[in-house]
Amino acid sequence: MGRALAVAMVGLNGHIVEVEADIGQTLPNFILLGLPDASLKESIDRIKAAAQNSGIPLSRRKITVNLVPASLPKRGSAFDLAIVMAALEAAGDVRRTGRTVFLAELGLDGRLRPVRGVLPAVMAAVRAGHEEFVVAEDNVREAELVPGARVRGYLSLAQVAVDFDADTQDLVLDLPEPGVAAPAAETGEVRGPAPDMADVAGQGEARLALEIAAAGGHHLMMVGPPGAGKTMLAERLPGLLPDLQDAEAMEVTAIHSLDGSGPAVGQLIRRPPYEHPHHSASAVAIVGGGTGIPRPGAASRAHRGVLFLDEAPEYDRRVLDALRQPLESGELVLHRSAGTASYPARFQLVLAANPCPCGKATGKGAECTCTAMARRRYFDRLSGPLLDRVDIQLHVNRVSLAELSGAEPRESTHQVAARVLAAKERQRERLGRFGLAGNAEASGRLLRGVFRLPGADTALLDRALDTGQLTARGYDRVLRLAWTIADLGGHDRPDRDDVGLALTMRQRGMGT
């Protein structure tokens, strides 16, 4: 018997898989058991060719490989190296692999190829008590990001076999040059110059709303005509957010490693991500899903960052309503026939919409030709339950000539971000003992209990709840907003003016 260890990923959760191999006495055959998917079954021929071309061919007798636990779905090429090492150990060609975890794909020539999801896989294995890892050379930097992991990187199966005491007489240690040169792996975040708040002309109310949203982690909706600057404002929100802390950066990097659609991960992602999907994107693209084990979507890739949906009423209503779960819980749980996967999705949602289908209803409405029914249908895709979860809702008007050509200096992103950081520090000091990082995570019970405000300061808010202008959820969200406004102002607690401003921003009262 031969044994090796690998990791099966279900969502962002990794499970240790023991790869068992047995050499039988019957005719040559290779059987793979343990609920492998189609892509994993393809590894059989790939493994045989890789071993043969590395000078350490597999046994010509019957090889049975079992992936334990057998009830756990397994997919992908990351099991290749573990399977071949278990088979070689069963044949006595290498020594026992012990508690080493193998994560790599094999090329037909025996080359070790990188796989996606190495970071969350190593994190899961370390949590399970494993320390030794063997990966492809291009995955070493990523695997070494996990504290407590001892990582060895190799270019080929033959090199791995040498380290596990294989007979070097027939091993092919010199790999042939690939026919097409592989692009150099990216080792860090590649970003252009960050958009600056100094580029935004006018829009004093919208700039304030953006600062408050950044300071408290609040969701934001902007309604205004084309060219008013909604997209420009949304693009500058990530720049106002501070760098991610270690635990947050590890979560974000793990998601992007598992997704595999961007450059190779070489260091922790420290800047909050920004996702801007097109309005034609499907529910799978935004929320996640697909065949087999569900994959992460834009909402999860925006974890600890910003998800911007421009032209929000143009999205399918089912796609928009699917975001209600992560807006409340900060997590996406996707159920499919092959299994259930959960992904963190604590993002800031920014919605932008025109005031009507033609976009010309600027307040006076003189240029707009849309009927009342057309306007109603346009905004009907934004359901009440979704908007009830959006803290700040404001109108953004067109910029005047005087504002556009004004010579007065405008605050830069660096200046605004400094105030945002100070406000977030105040929130951590106040909420840290409750395990919370910001006002957006504070529960209504906490806000109406431990941090209850005097009745004189919440009178306007109480009246809005009694008259049906606010739901109970909306009431709590206005309180969160008021605390963020107080934090930006350096107040110990919100006063009547802070609560009034928060209520105004909630009800689209600004900029009208």
Foldseek 3Di string as FASTA:
>chain_A
DFWAWEWADQFLAIDIKIKAKAFDDAAFDEAEAQAEDPQCVVLPVLLQLLCVLQQRGFDRGYMYIYIPPSLAHHYDQQCNLRNSRRRCVNVVQFPHPPHEYGGFHAGSNFFTHADFLLLSRLQNVVVVPGAHYEHAPLCQLSSVQHPRHDYDHDGGSLVVRVVRPGPNPRGDRDGDDDPDDDDDFDQADDDDDQQKPQLDFDPPVLVVVLLLCQLFVFAEEEEAFPPLCQVVSQSNSQLLHFWDDPVQQSQLVSLCRNQVPDTDYNHGRGGQDEAEDAQADDLCQAQWQDPARTHHHVQLNRQVHEYEYEQVLSHALVSLVQCLVCLPVQKRWDDDPNGIHMGGRSHHYYYYHAQFPVNPCQPVHPPDPDDPVRSCSSCVSCPPSSLLSGQFYAYRHHDDPCRNPPPDGDDISVVSSVLSVQLQVVQCVVCVVVVDRRLSPDDLCCCCPVVNDDCVLCVVLVVCPVVVVHDPSNSSSLLSSLQSVCSSVVHPHGGNVSSVVSVCRSVRNPPD
